[in-house]
N, C-alpha and C. Protein backbone atom coordinates (compact mmCIF):
# COMPACT_ATOMS: atom_id res chain seq x y z
N UNK A 1 -64.48 70.88 -216.47
CA UNK A 1 -63.10 71.71 -216.00
C UNK A 1 -62.37 71.93 -215.23
N UNK A 2 -61.63 71.18 -214.35
CA UNK A 2 -61.40 71.67 -213.12
C UNK A 2 -60.16 72.81 -212.89
N UNK A 3 -60.60 73.42 -211.83
CA UNK A 3 -58.99 74.56 -211.65
C UNK A 3 -58.12 73.72 -210.84
N UNK A 4 -56.94 74.58 -210.27
CA UNK A 4 -55.82 74.06 -210.50
C UNK A 4 -55.86 73.19 -208.49
N UNK A 5 -57.09 73.62 -208.56
CA UNK A 5 -57.32 73.15 -206.58
C UNK A 5 -58.79 72.05 -206.72
N UNK A 6 -58.55 71.36 -207.61
CA UNK A 6 -59.62 70.39 -207.45
C UNK A 6 -60.67 70.38 -207.61
N UNK A 7 -61.27 71.86 -207.32
CA UNK A 7 -62.19 72.17 -207.55
C UNK A 7 -63.00 72.21 -208.82
N UNK A 8 -63.91 71.91 -209.56
CA UNK A 8 -64.73 72.13 -210.75
C UNK A 8 -65.22 73.55 -211.11
N UNK A 9 -64.37 74.28 -212.11
CA UNK A 9 -64.86 75.67 -212.34
C UNK A 9 -65.94 75.50 -213.02
N UNK A 10 -66.91 76.78 -213.13
CA UNK A 10 -68.09 76.92 -213.29
C UNK A 10 -68.71 78.04 -212.14
N UNK A 11 -70.04 77.94 -211.89
CA UNK A 11 -71.11 78.59 -211.42
C UNK A 11 -71.31 77.58 -209.87
N UNK A 12 -71.59 78.41 -208.65
CA UNK A 12 -71.44 77.68 -207.84
C UNK A 12 -72.57 77.13 -207.80
N UNK A 13 -74.10 77.33 -208.16
CA UNK A 13 -74.95 76.68 -207.66
C UNK A 13 -75.16 75.26 -208.78
N UNK A 14 -74.27 75.10 -209.28
CA UNK A 14 -74.83 73.79 -210.33
C UNK A 14 -74.37 72.65 -209.50
N UNK A 15 -74.99 71.75 -210.29
CA UNK A 15 -74.50 70.40 -209.50
C UNK A 15 -72.84 69.63 -209.51
N UNK A 16 -72.12 70.37 -210.43
CA UNK A 16 -70.83 70.01 -210.88
C UNK A 16 -69.89 70.50 -209.75
N UNK A 17 -70.48 71.38 -208.97
CA UNK A 17 -69.68 72.68 -207.52
C UNK A 17 -69.83 71.83 -205.99
N UNK A 18 -71.01 70.79 -206.81
CA UNK A 18 -71.31 70.94 -205.20
C UNK A 18 -70.56 69.66 -204.44
N UNK A 19 -70.77 69.03 -202.87
CA UNK A 19 -69.52 68.04 -202.64
C UNK A 19 -69.42 67.17 -202.78
N UNK A 20 -71.19 66.18 -203.41
CA UNK A 20 -71.24 64.92 -203.71
C UNK A 20 -70.65 64.52 -205.50
N UNK A 21 -70.46 65.35 -206.13
CA UNK A 21 -69.30 65.65 -206.80
C UNK A 21 -67.85 65.66 -206.87
N UNK A 22 -67.04 66.07 -205.64
CA UNK A 22 -65.62 65.88 -205.73
C UNK A 22 -65.13 64.68 -205.68
N UNK A 23 -64.15 64.45 -205.87
CA UNK A 23 -63.47 63.48 -206.13
C UNK A 23 -62.81 63.13 -204.99
N UNK A 24 -62.87 63.66 -203.97
CA UNK A 24 -61.36 63.86 -202.62
C UNK A 24 -62.36 64.02 -201.65
N UNK A 25 -62.19 63.78 -200.70
CA UNK A 25 -62.91 64.24 -199.28
C UNK A 25 -62.83 65.53 -198.45
N UNK A 26 -63.41 66.80 -197.96
CA UNK A 26 -62.83 67.98 -198.00
C UNK A 26 -62.24 67.63 -196.73
N UNK A 27 -61.11 68.41 -196.15
CA UNK A 27 -60.76 68.84 -195.09
C UNK A 27 -61.38 70.08 -194.62
N UNK A 28 -61.44 69.65 -192.65
CA UNK A 28 -62.24 70.66 -191.77
C UNK A 28 -61.55 71.89 -192.50
N UNK A 29 -60.55 71.82 -192.55
CA UNK A 29 -60.38 73.66 -193.44
C UNK A 29 -61.27 73.72 -194.36
N UNK A 30 -60.93 73.01 -195.64
CA UNK A 30 -61.76 73.32 -196.84
C UNK A 30 -63.48 73.17 -196.32
N UNK A 31 -63.81 72.41 -195.72
CA UNK A 31 -65.54 72.33 -195.18
C UNK A 31 -65.60 73.77 -194.96
N UNK A 32 -64.79 74.36 -193.89
CA UNK A 32 -65.29 75.36 -193.43
C UNK A 32 -64.91 76.99 -194.15
N UNK A 33 -64.68 76.59 -195.40
CA UNK A 33 -64.22 77.95 -196.21
C UNK A 33 -62.95 78.45 -196.28
N UNK A 34 -61.99 77.53 -195.43
CA UNK A 34 -60.61 78.17 -195.33
C UNK A 34 -59.72 77.87 -196.45
N UNK A 35 -58.72 77.65 -196.18
CA UNK A 35 -57.01 77.25 -197.34
C UNK A 35 -57.26 76.13 -196.49
N UNK A 36 -57.06 75.14 -198.41
CA UNK A 36 -56.48 73.75 -197.85
C UNK A 36 -54.81 73.95 -197.34
N UNK A 37 -54.05 72.22 -197.02
CA UNK A 37 -53.09 72.42 -196.46
C UNK A 37 -52.19 71.91 -197.91
N UNK A 38 -53.17 71.22 -198.64
CA UNK A 38 -52.48 70.91 -200.35
C UNK A 38 -52.69 71.33 -201.12
N UNK A 39 -52.90 72.86 -200.81
CA UNK A 39 -52.87 73.65 -201.80
C UNK A 39 -51.73 74.27 -202.19
N UNK A 40 -51.56 74.49 -203.41
CA UNK A 40 -49.74 74.69 -203.54
C UNK A 40 -49.72 76.30 -203.72
N UNK A 41 -50.56 76.81 -203.64
CA UNK A 41 -50.71 78.46 -203.23
C UNK A 41 -50.36 78.73 -201.80
N UNK A 42 -50.75 77.70 -200.99
CA UNK A 42 -50.52 77.71 -199.11
C UNK A 42 -48.74 77.76 -199.14
N UNK A 43 -48.97 79.15 -198.44
CA UNK A 43 -47.29 79.64 -198.48
C UNK A 43 -46.71 79.21 -197.08
N UNK A 44 -46.16 77.99 -196.94
CA UNK A 44 -45.46 77.69 -195.61
C UNK A 44 -44.26 78.40 -194.89
N UNK A 45 -43.82 79.36 -195.83
CA UNK A 45 -42.59 79.68 -195.17
C UNK A 45 -43.12 81.11 -194.45
N UNK A 46 -44.91 81.65 -194.44
CA UNK A 46 -45.35 82.57 -193.75
C UNK A 46 -45.84 82.18 -192.18
N UNK A 47 -45.12 80.98 -192.08
CA UNK A 47 -45.55 80.38 -190.51
C UNK A 47 -45.03 81.47 -189.26
N UNK A 48 -45.84 81.73 -188.84
CA UNK A 48 -45.25 82.28 -187.44
C UNK A 48 -46.25 83.41 -187.45
N UNK A 49 -47.48 84.09 -188.30
CA UNK A 49 -48.40 84.84 -188.32
C UNK A 49 -49.75 84.14 -187.28
N UNK A 50 -49.42 83.64 -186.02
CA UNK A 50 -50.46 82.95 -185.40
C UNK A 50 -50.94 82.00 -185.60
N UNK A 51 -50.31 81.37 -186.58
CA UNK A 51 -51.02 79.41 -187.14
C UNK A 51 -50.77 78.60 -186.05
N UNK A 52 -51.20 78.02 -185.84
CA UNK A 52 -51.41 76.91 -185.05
C UNK A 52 -50.27 75.54 -185.81
N UNK A 53 -49.85 74.97 -185.25
CA UNK A 53 -49.34 73.59 -185.39
C UNK A 53 -50.12 72.02 -185.45
N UNK A 54 -51.02 72.21 -185.43
CA UNK A 54 -51.89 71.28 -185.04
C UNK A 54 -52.48 70.43 -183.69
N UNK A 55 -51.45 70.79 -182.77
CA UNK A 55 -51.62 70.02 -181.53
C UNK A 55 -51.95 71.37 -180.61
N UNK A 56 -52.32 72.35 -180.96
CA UNK A 56 -52.74 73.49 -179.85
C UNK A 56 -51.62 74.42 -180.05
N UNK A 57 -50.12 74.43 -180.54
CA UNK A 57 -49.35 75.10 -179.98
C UNK A 57 -48.81 76.24 -180.94
N UNK A 58 -48.52 77.20 -181.22
CA UNK A 58 -47.79 78.22 -182.46
C UNK A 58 -47.07 77.63 -182.96
N UNK A 59 -46.86 77.59 -184.14
CA UNK A 59 -45.73 77.77 -184.97
C UNK A 59 -44.40 78.75 -184.39
N UNK A 60 -43.53 78.58 -184.82
CA UNK A 60 -42.37 79.33 -184.39
C UNK A 60 -42.21 80.25 -185.67
N UNK A 61 -41.31 81.26 -184.95
CA UNK A 61 -41.42 82.16 -186.49
C UNK A 61 -40.18 81.77 -187.33
N UNK A 62 -40.17 82.27 -188.30
CA UNK A 62 -39.47 81.43 -189.25
C UNK A 62 -38.41 82.22 -189.14
N UNK A 63 -37.75 83.97 -188.72
CA UNK A 63 -36.27 83.98 -188.58
C UNK A 63 -36.02 83.91 -187.34
N UNK A 64 -36.35 82.83 -186.81
CA UNK A 64 -35.72 83.73 -185.04
C UNK A 64 -34.48 82.96 -185.21
N UNK A 65 -33.73 81.98 -185.84
CA UNK A 65 -32.85 81.71 -185.91
C UNK A 65 -31.46 82.98 -185.96
N UNK A 66 -31.95 84.25 -186.69
CA UNK A 66 -31.69 85.09 -187.44
C UNK A 66 -31.05 86.27 -185.80
N UNK A 67 -32.33 86.10 -185.08
CA UNK A 67 -32.56 87.52 -184.50
C UNK A 67 -31.30 87.80 -183.53
N UNK A 68 -30.28 87.01 -183.08
CA UNK A 68 -28.95 87.58 -182.40
C UNK A 68 -28.58 87.86 -183.33
N UNK A 69 -28.11 88.23 -184.90
CA UNK A 69 -27.46 88.92 -185.62
C UNK A 69 -28.00 90.41 -185.91
N UNK A 70 -29.43 90.36 -185.25
CA UNK A 70 -30.66 91.00 -185.67
C UNK A 70 -30.33 91.97 -184.53
N UNK A 71 -30.29 92.15 -183.18
CA UNK A 71 -29.89 92.25 -182.23
C UNK A 71 -28.38 93.18 -182.41
N UNK A 72 -27.80 92.09 -182.51
CA UNK A 72 -25.94 93.06 -182.64
C UNK A 72 -26.59 93.78 -183.74
N UNK A 73 -26.83 94.26 -185.07
CA UNK A 73 -26.97 95.09 -186.35
C UNK A 73 -27.82 96.09 -185.12
N UNK A 74 -29.19 95.75 -184.09
CA UNK A 74 -29.69 97.00 -183.39
C UNK A 74 -28.65 97.79 -182.07
N UNK A 75 -27.69 96.83 -181.92
CA UNK A 75 -27.07 97.45 -180.43
C UNK A 75 -25.71 98.17 -181.62
N UNK A 76 -25.79 98.04 -182.92
CA UNK A 76 -24.56 99.10 -183.38
C UNK A 76 -25.54 100.58 -183.96
N UNK A 77 -26.10 100.37 -183.91
CA UNK A 77 -27.16 101.63 -184.39
C UNK A 77 -27.35 102.26 -183.30
N UNK A 78 -27.74 101.52 -182.14
CA UNK A 78 -28.01 101.92 -180.33
C UNK A 78 -26.69 103.07 -180.67
N UNK A 79 -25.44 102.19 -180.35
CA UNK A 79 -23.95 102.65 -180.19
C UNK A 79 -24.34 104.13 -180.47
N UNK A 80 -23.75 104.14 -182.26
CA UNK A 80 -24.03 105.11 -182.76
C UNK A 80 -24.50 106.57 -182.36
N UNK A 81 -26.01 105.83 -182.11
CA UNK A 81 -27.00 107.19 -181.52
C UNK A 81 -26.50 107.62 -180.56
N UNK A 82 -25.76 107.16 -179.49
CA UNK A 82 -25.03 107.53 -178.16
C UNK A 82 -23.89 108.28 -178.77
N UNK A 83 -23.46 108.23 -179.70
CA UNK A 83 -22.25 108.58 -179.68
C UNK A 83 -22.19 110.22 -179.46
N UNK A 84 -20.69 110.91 -179.38
CA UNK A 84 -20.53 111.91 -179.01
C UNK A 84 -20.70 112.37 -180.47
N UNK A 85 -20.18 112.09 -181.75
CA UNK A 85 -20.12 112.55 -182.89
C UNK A 85 -21.86 112.73 -183.56
N UNK A 86 -22.78 111.88 -183.28
CA UNK A 86 -23.97 111.76 -183.88
C UNK A 86 -24.73 113.10 -182.72
N UNK A 87 -24.19 113.05 -181.58
CA UNK A 87 -25.16 114.28 -180.72
C UNK A 87 -24.81 115.19 -181.31
N UNK A 88 -23.17 115.15 -181.92
CA UNK A 88 -22.83 116.75 -182.21
C UNK A 88 -23.70 117.10 -183.57
N UNK A 89 -24.04 116.55 -184.53
CA UNK A 89 -24.61 116.04 -185.74
C UNK A 89 -26.46 116.73 -185.14
N UNK A 90 -27.08 116.01 -184.49
CA UNK A 90 -28.18 116.35 -183.76
C UNK A 90 -28.34 117.42 -183.39
N UNK A 91 -27.03 118.28 -182.33
CA UNK A 91 -27.51 119.46 -182.02
C UNK A 91 -27.15 120.60 -182.90
N UNK A 92 -26.19 120.57 -183.44
CA UNK A 92 -26.29 121.16 -184.86
C UNK A 92 -27.43 121.25 -185.40
N UNK A 93 -27.91 120.27 -186.23
CA UNK A 93 -29.20 120.57 -186.43
C UNK A 93 -30.44 121.33 -185.57
N UNK A 94 -30.67 121.18 -184.39
CA UNK A 94 -31.78 121.68 -183.78
C UNK A 94 -31.39 122.80 -183.34
N UNK A 95 -29.79 123.28 -183.60
CA UNK A 95 -29.67 124.66 -183.28
C UNK A 95 -30.23 125.88 -184.77
N UNK A 96 -30.28 125.02 -185.38
CA UNK A 96 -30.19 126.13 -186.80
C UNK A 96 -31.93 125.53 -186.83
N UNK A 97 -32.19 124.72 -186.98
CA UNK A 97 -33.64 124.16 -187.47
C UNK A 97 -35.24 125.05 -186.49
N UNK A 98 -34.70 124.84 -185.14
CA UNK A 98 -35.89 125.44 -183.94
C UNK A 98 -35.68 126.54 -184.17
N UNK A 99 -34.69 127.65 -184.04
CA UNK A 99 -34.86 128.89 -184.11
C UNK A 99 -35.66 129.42 -185.59
N UNK A 100 -34.94 128.33 -186.56
CA UNK A 100 -35.74 129.14 -188.09
C UNK A 100 -37.10 128.95 -188.48
N UNK A 101 -37.20 127.69 -187.82
CA UNK A 101 -39.18 127.39 -188.11
C UNK A 101 -39.78 128.06 -186.72
N UNK A 102 -39.46 128.72 -185.82
CA UNK A 102 -39.78 129.53 -184.78
C UNK A 102 -39.77 130.83 -184.99
N UNK A 103 -39.06 131.33 -185.77
CA UNK A 103 -38.88 132.56 -186.82
C UNK A 103 -40.24 132.89 -187.93
N UNK A 104 -40.25 131.43 -188.67
CA UNK A 104 -40.71 131.65 -189.59
C UNK A 104 -42.46 131.41 -189.31
N UNK A 105 -42.17 130.46 -188.73
CA UNK A 105 -43.61 130.29 -187.78
C UNK A 105 -44.71 131.66 -187.62
N UNK A 106 -43.86 132.79 -186.70
CA UNK A 106 -44.02 133.65 -186.17
C UNK A 106 -44.53 135.10 -187.30
N UNK A 107 -43.62 134.41 -188.34
CA UNK A 107 -43.46 135.74 -189.26
C UNK A 107 -44.88 135.50 -190.25
N UNK A 108 -45.16 134.19 -190.35
CA UNK A 108 -46.51 133.74 -191.03
C UNK A 108 -47.25 134.17 -190.31
N UNK A 109 -47.56 133.72 -188.63
CA UNK A 109 -48.69 133.97 -188.08
C UNK A 109 -48.61 135.99 -187.94
N UNK A 110 -47.67 136.31 -188.00
CA UNK A 110 -47.88 137.42 -188.28
C UNK A 110 -48.53 138.49 -189.26
N UNK A 111 -47.76 137.99 -190.67
CA UNK A 111 -48.57 138.16 -191.88
C UNK A 111 -50.79 137.67 -191.73
N UNK A 112 -50.66 136.68 -191.65
CA UNK A 112 -52.12 136.43 -191.30
C UNK A 112 -52.82 137.07 -190.20
N UNK A 113 -52.48 137.16 -189.56
CA UNK A 113 -53.17 138.21 -187.87
C UNK A 113 -53.38 139.32 -188.54
N UNK A 114 -51.85 140.32 -189.29
CA UNK A 114 -52.06 141.59 -189.67
C UNK A 114 -52.91 141.80 -191.15
N UNK A 115 -53.05 140.27 -191.59
CA UNK A 115 -53.94 140.30 -192.80
C UNK A 115 -55.66 140.45 -192.68
N UNK A 116 -55.72 140.01 -191.58
CA UNK A 116 -56.85 140.03 -191.30
C UNK A 116 -57.42 141.11 -190.07
N UNK A 117 -56.44 141.45 -189.25
CA UNK A 117 -56.94 142.20 -188.30
C UNK A 117 -56.58 144.02 -188.84
N UNK A 118 -56.08 144.14 -189.76
CA UNK A 118 -55.67 145.44 -190.59
C UNK A 118 -55.71 145.77 -191.52
N UNK A 119 -57.11 145.75 -192.12
CA UNK A 119 -56.50 145.54 -193.66
C UNK A 119 -56.88 146.82 -194.20
N UNK A 120 -56.75 147.79 -193.56
CA UNK A 120 -56.57 149.24 -194.29
C UNK A 120 -54.86 149.33 -194.50
N UNK A 121 -54.28 148.64 -193.39
CA UNK A 121 -52.78 149.33 -193.68
C UNK A 121 -52.44 147.61 -194.36
N UNK A 122 -52.83 146.87 -194.66
CA UNK A 122 -52.42 145.61 -196.11
C UNK A 122 -52.90 146.21 -197.32
N UNK A 123 -53.69 147.18 -197.38
CA UNK A 123 -54.81 147.69 -198.55
C UNK A 123 -53.69 149.03 -199.45
N UNK A 124 -52.91 149.74 -198.45
CA UNK A 124 -51.99 150.73 -198.28
C UNK A 124 -51.15 150.74 -199.79
N UNK A 125 -51.35 151.32 -200.55
CA UNK A 125 -50.69 151.39 -202.18
C UNK A 125 -49.39 151.92 -201.77
N UNK A 126 -48.30 150.50 -202.09
CA UNK A 126 -46.79 150.98 -202.44
C UNK A 126 -46.22 151.75 -203.59
N UNK A 127 -46.83 150.92 -204.52
CA UNK A 127 -46.81 151.28 -205.93
C UNK A 127 -47.48 151.22 -207.34
N UNK A 128 -48.47 152.07 -207.74
CA UNK A 128 -49.44 151.17 -208.66
C UNK A 128 -50.84 150.75 -207.99
N UNK A 129 -50.74 149.01 -208.38
CA UNK A 129 -51.63 148.17 -207.72
C UNK A 129 -50.72 147.97 -206.80
N UNK A 130 -49.43 147.43 -206.94
CA UNK A 130 -49.10 146.55 -205.36
C UNK A 130 -49.29 147.32 -204.26
N UNK A 131 -49.50 146.82 -203.33
CA UNK A 131 -50.03 146.92 -202.13
C UNK A 131 -49.43 146.40 -201.03
N UNK A 132 -49.50 146.73 -199.77
CA UNK A 132 -48.79 145.90 -198.79
C UNK A 132 -49.02 144.53 -198.61
N UNK A 133 -50.40 144.32 -198.39
CA UNK A 133 -50.49 142.77 -198.38
C UNK A 133 -49.90 142.07 -199.63
N UNK A 134 -49.92 142.57 -201.26
CA UNK A 134 -49.03 141.97 -201.92
C UNK A 134 -47.27 141.65 -201.95
N UNK A 135 -46.94 142.77 -201.25
CA UNK A 135 -45.43 142.69 -200.81
C UNK A 135 -45.26 141.65 -199.82
N UNK A 136 -45.75 141.82 -198.69
CA UNK A 136 -46.10 140.99 -197.54
C UNK A 136 -46.22 139.31 -197.87
N UNK A 137 -47.05 139.21 -199.32
CA UNK A 137 -47.31 137.63 -199.42
C UNK A 137 -46.13 136.94 -200.30
N UNK A 138 -45.73 137.97 -201.14
CA UNK A 138 -44.35 137.62 -201.99
C UNK A 138 -43.40 137.61 -200.63
N UNK A 139 -43.24 138.33 -200.32
CA UNK A 139 -41.95 138.11 -198.97
C UNK A 139 -42.07 136.76 -198.43
N UNK A 140 -43.84 136.07 -198.31
CA UNK A 140 -43.57 134.44 -197.35
C UNK A 140 -42.72 133.93 -198.53
N UNK A 141 -42.60 133.73 -200.21
CA UNK A 141 -42.26 133.12 -200.39
C UNK A 141 -40.88 133.16 -201.03
N UNK A 142 -40.36 134.52 -200.64
CA UNK A 142 -39.00 134.84 -200.53
C UNK A 142 -38.52 134.45 -199.40
N UNK A 143 -39.09 134.29 -198.08
CA UNK A 143 -38.20 133.74 -196.82
C UNK A 143 -38.42 132.00 -197.17
N UNK A 144 -39.49 131.60 -197.78
CA UNK A 144 -39.62 129.92 -197.70
C UNK A 144 -38.21 129.47 -198.91
N UNK A 145 -38.13 130.43 -200.11
CA UNK A 145 -37.01 130.31 -200.37
C UNK A 145 -35.16 130.32 -199.55
N UNK A 146 -35.20 131.42 -198.72
CA UNK A 146 -34.06 131.95 -198.43
C UNK A 146 -34.07 130.84 -197.22
N UNK A 147 -34.86 130.08 -196.76
CA UNK A 147 -34.59 129.49 -195.32
C UNK A 147 -33.73 128.50 -196.20
N UNK A 148 -35.18 128.16 -197.19
CA UNK A 148 -34.46 126.42 -197.73
C UNK A 148 -32.52 126.38 -198.03
N UNK A 149 -32.42 127.56 -198.83
CA UNK A 149 -30.80 127.88 -199.37
C UNK A 149 -30.38 127.87 -197.73
N UNK A 150 -30.39 128.34 -196.82
CA UNK A 150 -29.97 128.49 -195.63
C UNK A 150 -29.42 127.36 -195.18
N UNK A 151 -31.06 127.02 -194.82
CA UNK A 151 -30.95 125.53 -194.90
C UNK A 151 -29.63 124.47 -195.28
N UNK A 152 -29.89 124.29 -196.48
CA UNK A 152 -29.08 123.65 -197.50
C UNK A 152 -27.60 124.33 -197.11
N UNK A 153 -27.61 124.98 -197.13
CA UNK A 153 -25.12 125.88 -196.86
C UNK A 153 -25.43 125.61 -195.65
N UNK A 154 -26.42 125.40 -194.56
CA UNK A 154 -26.04 125.40 -193.04
C UNK A 154 -25.25 123.76 -192.92
N UNK A 155 -26.55 123.11 -193.91
CA UNK A 155 -25.80 121.35 -193.63
C UNK A 155 -24.92 121.26 -194.24
N UNK A 156 -24.43 121.72 -195.88
CA UNK A 156 -23.51 121.33 -196.26
C UNK A 156 -22.48 121.59 -195.70
N UNK A 157 -21.78 122.67 -194.48
CA UNK A 157 -20.80 123.55 -194.38
C UNK A 157 -20.61 122.72 -192.58
N UNK A 158 -21.67 122.65 -191.96
CA UNK A 158 -21.81 122.13 -190.23
C UNK A 158 -22.10 120.97 -190.43
N UNK A 159 -23.04 119.88 -191.19
CA UNK A 159 -23.23 118.86 -190.63
C UNK A 159 -23.01 117.22 -191.73
N UNK A 160 -22.93 117.97 -193.36
CA UNK A 160 -22.79 117.05 -194.01
C UNK A 160 -21.04 115.49 -193.76
N UNK A 161 -20.44 116.40 -193.83
CA UNK A 161 -19.28 115.82 -193.37
C UNK A 161 -18.93 114.59 -192.27
N UNK A 162 -19.24 115.26 -191.23
CA UNK A 162 -19.35 114.48 -190.10
C UNK A 162 -20.55 113.71 -190.17
N UNK A 163 -21.90 113.93 -190.90
CA UNK A 163 -22.81 112.82 -191.28
C UNK A 163 -22.17 111.59 -191.89
N UNK A 164 -21.95 111.47 -193.49
CA UNK A 164 -21.17 111.25 -194.38
C UNK A 164 -20.08 110.27 -193.57
N UNK A 165 -19.45 110.86 -192.41
CA UNK A 165 -18.22 109.91 -191.86
C UNK A 165 -18.92 109.18 -190.57
N UNK A 166 -20.31 109.48 -190.30
CA UNK A 166 -20.55 108.50 -189.52
C UNK A 166 -21.82 107.36 -190.19
N UNK A 167 -22.18 107.90 -191.18
CA UNK A 167 -23.01 106.62 -192.11
C UNK A 167 -21.68 106.15 -192.70
N UNK A 168 -20.88 106.19 -192.70
CA UNK A 168 -19.61 104.77 -193.43
C UNK A 168 -19.37 104.59 -192.13
N UNK A 169 -19.12 104.74 -191.05
CA UNK A 169 -18.94 104.20 -190.02
C UNK A 169 -19.80 102.95 -189.75
N UNK A 170 -20.96 103.26 -189.78
CA UNK A 170 -21.91 102.50 -188.63
C UNK A 170 -22.33 101.98 -190.17
N UNK A 171 -22.17 101.69 -191.49
CA UNK A 171 -22.51 100.70 -192.33
C UNK A 171 -21.16 99.54 -192.53
N UNK A 172 -20.11 100.08 -192.34
CA UNK A 172 -18.66 99.38 -191.83
C UNK A 172 -19.22 98.71 -190.63
N UNK A 173 -19.65 99.17 -189.42
CA UNK A 173 -20.22 98.35 -188.25
C UNK A 173 -21.34 96.69 -188.53
N UNK A 174 -22.14 97.91 -189.04
CA UNK A 174 -23.50 97.16 -189.15
C UNK A 174 -22.60 95.48 -190.43
N UNK A 175 -22.24 96.50 -191.40
CA UNK A 175 -21.36 94.86 -192.23
C UNK A 175 -20.71 94.08 -191.74
N UNK A 176 -19.73 94.44 -190.44
CA UNK A 176 -19.19 93.40 -189.83
C UNK A 176 -19.51 92.33 -188.92
N UNK A 177 -20.97 93.06 -188.32
CA UNK A 177 -21.99 92.26 -187.56
C UNK A 177 -22.69 91.31 -187.96
N UNK A 178 -23.05 91.80 -189.39
CA UNK A 178 -23.96 90.39 -189.85
C UNK A 178 -22.96 89.46 -191.07
N UNK A 179 -21.41 89.77 -190.73
CA UNK A 179 -20.44 88.71 -191.43
C UNK A 179 -20.05 88.83 -192.68
N UNK A 180 -20.30 90.83 -192.80
CA UNK A 180 -19.82 91.03 -194.13
C UNK A 180 -20.86 90.79 -195.37
N UNK A 181 -22.06 90.36 -195.09
CA UNK A 181 -22.74 90.37 -196.37
C UNK A 181 -23.65 91.85 -196.49
N UNK A 182 -23.32 92.02 -197.61
CA UNK A 182 -24.63 93.77 -197.07
C UNK A 182 -25.12 93.71 -198.97
């Protein structure tokens, strides 16, 4: 029984699998163990991945005709990135996130440093079995949720509308560059 590429199925070492019993001449690629060019699974559309054209040159890339529209689409995104609206959205984002992360990081490092350097202070009881360390640890969780809530609120009130308009305009510009296909 033969496989789809014309080679007999079975163990590699038997006589049916040897080169003498094939009904075709092996190509140089087949002899070296590479893919055959008449192989039905050889993907001709994947050319341009460093394959040669047989005379020493490289096969041109398959999508080279579309390069100009891709470059134009990239220019649209670069133009939007340079726009005042985009810069305003980014600056509003940074004005919230950079100080927020700095404050949260200092709070976290302060908790860890205090827990390691002042165990007596952290072990001080507050109410029953609850001590300062437990309250500070729970405070870490609380501040995480508060920071997430404040971030979402800031985004909703200060950035989302402008960012949505930017996104819509960018998609319209990109759609126009690509000829209405999307």
